[in-house]
Protein backbone atom coordinates (compact mmCIF):
# COMPACT_ATOMS: atom_id res chain seq x y z
CA UNK A 1 6.56 -12.11 -9.23
CA UNK A 2 6.08 -15.22 -7.17
CA UNK A 3 4.10 -14.94 -4.01
CA UNK A 4 5.98 -15.12 -0.76
CA UNK A 5 4.17 -16.21 2.41
CA UNK A 6 4.80 -13.55 5.06
CA UNK A 7 4.81 -16.11 7.91
CA UNK A 8 7.40 -18.21 6.09
CA UNK A 9 9.44 -15.07 5.32
CA UNK A 10 9.47 -14.22 9.03
CA UNK A 11 10.47 -17.77 9.98
CA UNK A 12 13.35 -17.97 7.50
CA UNK A 13 14.66 -14.43 7.99
CA UNK A 14 14.97 -14.06 11.77
CA UNK A 15 18.27 -12.19 11.47
CA UNK A 16 16.74 -9.64 9.06
CA UNK A 17 13.79 -9.16 11.43
CA UNK A 18 16.16 -8.67 14.37
CA UNK A 19 18.25 -6.12 12.46
CA UNK A 20 15.20 -4.18 11.22
CA UNK A 21 15.92 -4.95 7.56
CA UNK A 22 12.46 -6.58 7.57
CA UNK A 23 9.68 -4.86 9.51
CA UNK A 24 6.18 -6.18 10.21
CA UNK A 25 3.36 -3.64 10.10
CA UNK A 26 0.83 -3.89 12.94
CA UNK A 27 -2.35 -5.82 12.02
CA UNK A 28 -4.51 -2.72 11.55
CA UNK A 29 -5.21 -2.90 7.81
CA UNK A 30 -8.30 -4.43 6.21
CA UNK A 31 -8.01 -6.50 3.02
CA UNK A 32 -9.63 -5.31 -0.23
CA UNK A 33 -9.20 -6.09 -3.93
CA UNK A 34 -8.98 -9.45 -5.71
CA UNK A 35 -5.28 -10.02 -4.99
CA UNK A 36 -5.16 -11.39 -1.46
CA UNK A 37 -1.37 -11.72 -1.70
CA UNK A 38 0.85 -9.24 -3.51
CA UNK A 39 4.34 -7.81 -3.42
CA UNK A 40 6.54 -5.31 -5.19
CA UNK A 41 8.88 -2.38 -4.87
CA UNK A 42 7.39 0.57 -3.01
CA UNK A 43 6.54 4.06 -4.25
CA UNK A 44 5.81 6.34 -1.28
CA UNK A 45 3.39 9.21 -0.98
CA UNK A 46 2.50 11.49 1.93
CA UNK A 47 -0.82 13.33 1.73
CA UNK A 48 -3.57 14.40 4.12
CA UNK A 49 -7.22 14.25 3.07
CA UNK A 50 -6.19 15.13 -0.52
CA UNK A 51 -5.83 12.57 -3.32
CA UNK A 52 -4.62 14.65 -6.29
CA UNK A 53 -1.08 13.23 -5.97
CA UNK A 54 -2.52 9.71 -5.56
CA UNK A 55 -4.08 10.02 -9.01
CA UNK A 56 -0.89 11.56 -10.45
CA UNK A 57 1.22 8.61 -9.29
CA UNK A 58 -1.33 5.99 -10.35
CA UNK A 59 -1.41 7.57 -13.83
CA UNK A 60 2.27 6.56 -14.24
CA UNK A 61 3.31 3.05 -15.23
CA UNK A 62 3.15 0.86 -12.13
CA UNK A 63 5.55 -1.81 -13.41
CA UNK A 64 4.58 -4.13 -10.55
CA UNK A 65 5.10 -1.54 -7.83
CA UNK A 66 3.03 -1.01 -4.68
CA UNK A 67 1.85 2.52 -3.86
CA UNK A 68 2.17 3.15 -0.11
CA UNK A 69 0.18 6.20 0.96
CA UNK A 70 0.68 7.83 4.33
CA UNK A 71 -2.66 9.54 4.72
CA UNK A 72 -1.99 10.37 8.36
CA UNK A 73 -4.47 7.71 9.45
CA UNK A 74 -7.36 10.07 8.70
CA UNK A 75 -10.81 8.57 9.13
CA UNK A 76 -12.60 11.64 7.74
CA UNK A 77 -12.54 10.88 3.99
CA UNK A 78 -11.35 8.35 1.40
CA UNK A 79 -8.08 8.69 -0.51
CA UNK A 80 -8.73 5.89 -3.03
CA UNK A 81 -11.99 4.95 -4.73
CA UNK A 82 -13.17 2.63 -7.48
CA UNK A 83 -11.89 4.80 -10.35
CA UNK A 84 -8.38 4.94 -8.86
CA UNK A 85 -8.47 1.19 -8.16
CA UNK A 86 -9.29 0.55 -11.82
CA UNK A 87 -6.60 3.02 -12.91
CA UNK A 88 -4.02 1.24 -10.73
CA UNK A 89 -4.96 -2.10 -12.28
CA UNK A 90 -4.83 -0.69 -15.83
CA UNK A 91 -1.45 0.97 -15.28
CA UNK A 92 0.22 -2.17 -13.90
CA UNK A 93 0.37 -1.41 -10.17
CA UNK A 94 0.27 -4.60 -8.08
CA UNK A 95 -1.15 -3.04 -4.93
CA UNK A 96 -1.97 -0.03 -2.78
CA UNK A 97 -1.52 0.38 0.98
CA UNK A 98 -3.44 3.31 2.48
CA UNK A 99 -2.82 4.61 5.98
CA UNK A 100 -6.32 6.05 5.77
CA UNK A 101 -9.60 5.16 4.10
CA UNK A 102 -10.89 3.98 0.74
CA UNK A 103 -14.39 4.06 -0.75
CA UNK A 104 -16.32 2.26 -3.50
CA UNK A 105 -15.40 -1.00 -1.79
CA UNK A 106 -17.42 -3.19 -4.17
CA UNK A 107 -15.66 -1.64 -7.17
CA UNK A 108 -12.22 -2.00 -5.57
CA UNK A 109 -13.01 -5.61 -4.69
CA UNK A 110 -13.62 -6.17 -8.41
CA UNK A 111 -10.13 -4.92 -9.32
CA UNK A 112 -7.26 -7.34 -9.90
CA UNK A 113 -4.93 -5.62 -7.44
CA UNK A 114 -4.30 -5.89 -3.72
CA UNK A 115 -5.49 -3.06 -1.48
CA UNK A 116 -4.98 -2.58 2.25
CA UNK A 117 -6.56 0.31 4.15
CA UNK A 118 -7.62 1.16 7.68
CA UNK A 119 -11.33 1.37 6.77
CA UNK A 120 -13.85 2.57 4.21
CA UNK A 121 -15.50 6.00 4.21
CA UNK A 122 -18.09 7.32 1.72
CA UNK A 123 -16.81 10.92 1.53
CA UNK A 124 -14.29 11.91 -1.15
CA UNK A 125 -11.11 13.79 -0.34
CA UNK A 126 -10.03 17.35 -1.06
CA UNK A 127 -8.44 18.25 -4.41
CA UNK A 128 -5.67 20.74 -3.58
CA UNK A 129 -2.64 18.77 -4.78
CA UNK A 130 -0.76 19.09 -1.48
CA UNK A 131 1.66 16.35 -0.48
CA UNK A 132 5.07 14.79 -1.11
CA UNK A 133 6.14 11.91 -3.37
CA UNK A 134 9.02 9.45 -2.98
CA UNK A 135 10.03 10.45 0.56
CA UNK A 136 10.48 8.34 3.72
CA UNK A 137 7.10 8.02 5.43
CA UNK A 138 6.01 6.80 8.86
CA UNK A 139 3.09 4.39 9.17
CA UNK A 140 2.12 2.79 12.50
CA UNK A 141 5.57 3.43 13.98
CA UNK A 142 7.39 2.03 10.94
CA UNK A 143 9.59 4.01 8.57
CA UNK A 144 8.96 3.05 4.93
CA UNK A 145 11.27 4.24 2.16
CA UNK A 146 10.72 4.58 -1.56
CA UNK A 147 12.28 1.57 -3.31
CA UNK A 148 11.93 -0.85 -0.40
CA UNK A 149 9.75 -3.94 -0.89
CA UNK A 150 6.27 -4.69 0.45
CA UNK A 151 4.94 -8.23 0.88
CA UNK A 152 1.29 -8.70 1.85
CA UNK A 153 -0.92 -11.74 2.32
CA UNK A 154 -3.73 -12.85 4.63
CA UNK A 155 -1.28 -13.09 7.56
CA UNK A 156 0.06 -9.57 7.37
CA UNK A 157 2.34 -7.04 5.73
CA UNK A 158 6.13 -6.99 5.64
CA UNK A 159 8.41 -4.14 4.61
CA UNK A 160 11.88 -5.24 3.48
CA UNK A 161 14.96 -3.16 2.61
CA UNK A 162 15.52 -5.46 -0.35
CA UNK A 163 13.71 -8.07 -2.44
CA UNK A 164 13.31 -11.39 -0.63
CA UNK A 165 13.71 -14.69 -2.48
CA UNK A 166 10.66 -16.90 -2.88
């Protein structure tokens, strides 16, 4: 997948921005991982302070997808750590967006994937297996659907209803 500059995508797709076919996430996410720019089709997950389903999804073949986790914005524990970052890399995921926290930042920064999260937190999450996969989720006032496309770089994060051309 070629990289697509988010600023350029916004400039050349004004009509798609106006219609809501492309949405820009607010600049609230910190950048982690070796891939500063990444893109791919989205797999959605909704969990709260529980990462059992995060592991389950990351254990499947990523095939260049981006896992978008609605963790409810919780700042009380981490949903992704170094082991899951390495698993995502090994299974072919291109990136992870967490509306919540990660941990093991140095390990995640060593992984060849892109990660965006609100912050880091040293405490691990619960292990109850509660949550929902592949459903529409809401992050920072934006609806994100399974199968849509995410584009991320140093300028920001775009969600698109369809793949954008490079």
